[in-house]
Amino acid sequence: MRDNRIATFIRENRKAAGLTQEEFAVRSGLGLRFVRDLEQGKETVRLDKVNQALAMFGMEAVPGRIKIIEGNEVP
């Protein structure tokens, strides 16, 4: 599994806010299992829920260009 920047962002910001996964789940309106899956970098999570989690920190997932895939630049 490649580095999951969203998972890292959520985990680090949740901890910085002093929230447990359970507290974060309750405050964000998400299920605890989803929060755990998200922080573990599960690749098949729903984007609407990802954005719901990111909204807790004033962020949202938006399209962005992938710079390198397996050592090759993307045009």
Protein backbone atom coordinates (compact mmCIF):
# COMPACT_ATOMS: atom_id res chain seq x y z
CA MET A 1 0.00 0.00 0.00
CA ARG A 2 1.37 3.41 -0.89
CA ASP A 3 1.63 6.31 1.52
CA ASN A 4 -1.85 7.58 2.33
CA ARG A 5 -1.58 11.30 3.02
CA ILE A 6 -5.24 11.65 3.98
CA ALA A 7 -4.96 8.87 6.57
CA THR A 8 -1.85 10.49 8.03
CA PHE A 9 -3.45 13.94 8.02
CA ILE A 10 -6.59 12.74 9.81
CA ARG A 11 -4.67 10.70 12.40
CA GLU A 12 -2.15 13.46 13.19
CA ASN A 13 -4.77 16.22 13.39
CA ARG A 14 -7.14 14.11 15.46
CA LYS A 15 -4.38 13.41 17.96
CA ALA A 16 -3.29 17.07 17.96
CA ALA A 17 -6.90 17.98 18.81
CA GLY A 18 -6.70 15.59 21.75
CA LEU A 19 -9.47 13.33 20.42
CA THR A 20 -9.66 9.56 20.58
CA GLN A 21 -10.93 7.78 17.49
CA GLU A 22 -14.26 7.29 19.25
CA GLU A 23 -14.55 10.98 20.19
CA PHE A 24 -13.64 12.00 16.64
CA ALA A 25 -16.24 9.61 15.22
CA VAL A 26 -18.98 11.05 17.43
CA ARG A 27 -18.07 14.69 16.74
CA SER A 28 -17.77 14.18 12.99
CA GLY A 29 -20.93 12.07 12.73
CA LEU A 30 -19.00 9.10 11.35
CA GLY A 31 -18.88 5.52 12.54
CA LEU A 32 -15.95 4.35 14.62
CA ARG A 33 -15.19 1.54 12.16
CA PHE A 34 -15.00 4.06 9.30
CA VAL A 35 -12.60 6.28 11.27
CA ARG A 36 -10.38 3.27 12.02
CA ASP A 37 -10.43 2.14 8.37
CA LEU A 38 -9.66 5.67 7.19
CA GLU A 39 -6.70 6.10 9.55
CA GLN A 40 -5.34 2.70 8.52
CA GLY A 41 -5.34 3.82 4.89
CA LYS A 42 -8.06 1.50 3.60
CA GLU A 43 -8.35 2.29 -0.09
CA THR A 44 -12.06 1.57 -0.51
CA VAL A 45 -13.60 4.27 1.65
CA ARG A 46 -16.43 6.55 0.53
CA LEU A 47 -15.27 9.96 -0.63
CA ASP A 48 -18.26 11.74 0.91
CA LYS A 49 -17.31 10.33 4.30
CA VAL A 50 -13.65 11.19 3.76
CA ASN A 51 -14.72 14.78 3.13
CA GLN A 52 -16.92 14.68 6.23
CA ALA A 53 -13.85 13.72 8.28
CA LEU A 54 -11.62 16.31 6.58
CA ALA A 55 -14.25 19.01 7.20
CA MET A 56 -13.48 18.72 10.91
CA PHE A 57 -10.18 20.45 10.07
CA GLY A 58 -11.50 22.85 7.43
CA MET A 59 -10.27 20.68 4.55
CA GLU A 60 -11.72 18.64 1.66
CA ALA A 61 -10.35 16.13 -0.83
CA VAL A 62 -9.97 17.61 -4.29
CA PRO A 63 -8.54 16.25 -7.54
CA GLY A 64 -4.81 16.66 -7.84
CA ARG A 65 -2.18 15.56 -10.32
CA ILE A 66 -0.18 12.47 -9.40
CA LYS A 67 3.48 13.34 -9.79
CA ILE A 68 5.11 9.90 -9.88
CA ILE A 69 3.70 6.42 -10.33
CA GLU A 70 6.18 3.55 -9.97
CA GLY A 71 9.10 5.75 -10.94
CA ASN A 72 7.47 7.27 -14.05
CA GLU A 73 6.28 10.83 -14.39
CA VAL A 74 2.67 11.33 -15.32
CA PRO A 75 2.17 13.77 -18.23
